[in-house]
Every structure is written in C-alpha cells, then in structure tokens.
Amino acid sequence: MKDLFNQLLETIEITVFDPFRFLEMQENRKKNLSITEKIIILLAAISVAAGSIYLTPPYSGSFMYSIPATSLLLFLFLGILPGFMGAFLDYSIRFRKDRKDHLLAMVHGAKILLVVFIFFMPVAVVLVQFGVSGGWAYFLLLLFFIAFYIYLLGNLTSILYEIKPVEALAISAKVFLTTLAFPLLFDFVFGHSLVTLIK
C-alpha cells in the first residue's frame, strides 16, 4: 500500500512538474499507470461532486445520496473523456506538424493531469467560509480548474511534441472544447428526442 501511494505521488510529480521524464516513466510503469489513473479519477470525481453540492446551498436531506451518485457519473465521464482528448490531441498535432506518435503518452497524461480537480472541494470549502457560494461560484471555480487543466495539458503537449508552448496551449484548448462538445451535443439531441416522445 505504501509503495502504491509513493508511486502515485511520484507519477503526479513527474507529470505535473517534470514532463521531460514523463515518457520514461510511462514506459517503465505501463501496468501501474492504469491503477494510478483510476485512483486519481475517482478522487477528482468525489471532490468535484462534493464541492459542487457544498457551493450550492441550501442542502436538502437527500444531498448525502447525491454525492455518491454524482461521483459515479463524474467517474465514468472523466474516465472516458480524457482518453478521447489525448487521442484527438495526438492526431491533431501529427496531422498538422508531422511529429512522432505519442498516442499512449497523451492518453495517460490527459488522465493523470485530472489530479488538479482533487483540489476542487478544498477550494470550495475556503470560498464558502468567505461567503462565496451559489451557482455562479461553482461555475467560475469549475472554469478556473478547467483552464488550469488545459494549461498543464498544453505544457505536456509542448514538451512531448517539441512545439511552442503558446501553440500547444491553443491546440489543447481547441481539442478540449471540441471533445467536450460531443457529449453535450449527444445530451442535447437525446434530451430533445426524449421530450418529443413524451409529448
């Protein structure tokens, strides 16, 4: 257990603070990376779920049931979306820049960098203590964490593919927005179809 915890911390440290060693680490820990990613995604999902409910009082009697349900949905969402995003990022850069294939590295990197969302709940607690709460507070805080995630993803992309940081950041932002549009579009179409059927 202690070894797993140490590997988790080291993986996060390398991915966030020392991306130059990311490729080497990814090659050496192919088996353990999957476990590390699942732990990070689970903690991030719980943090965002709890933080979103904490930021939007009043709390009903069922809010304790809402946290596990929302966490499960976020876990599934965060488990799938970064994989698509990493693959799309790799394809976009290789198509435009004719760079070496780093598909697996980008998929792993996109999932590990979700570690930033683990701090969503602690920041939400601090904001509520200062009297900042409500839907807008949740939206702005989520926007801040998404922007920070895109920044880290751009940094990793810049190092792996040897492109300018500003360019990598722009590509990462476009890929994130494009990838996010698919589930939103699906939700809109499915929801509209369901409402039509009910009517």
Foldseek 3Di string as FASTA:
>chain_A
DVVLVVLLVVLLCCLQPNLLCLVVNCVVPVPSLVVSLLVLQLLLLLQLLVLQQLQADDDDPCSVVSSVVSSVVSSVVLVPLQLQLLQVLQVVCCVVPVFDGPSVSSSSSSSSLSNLSSCSNVVSVVCVVVVRGHDVSSVVSVVVSVLVSLLSSLVSSCSVRVDDSVVSSVSSVVSSVVSVVVVVVVCVVVVVVVVVVVD
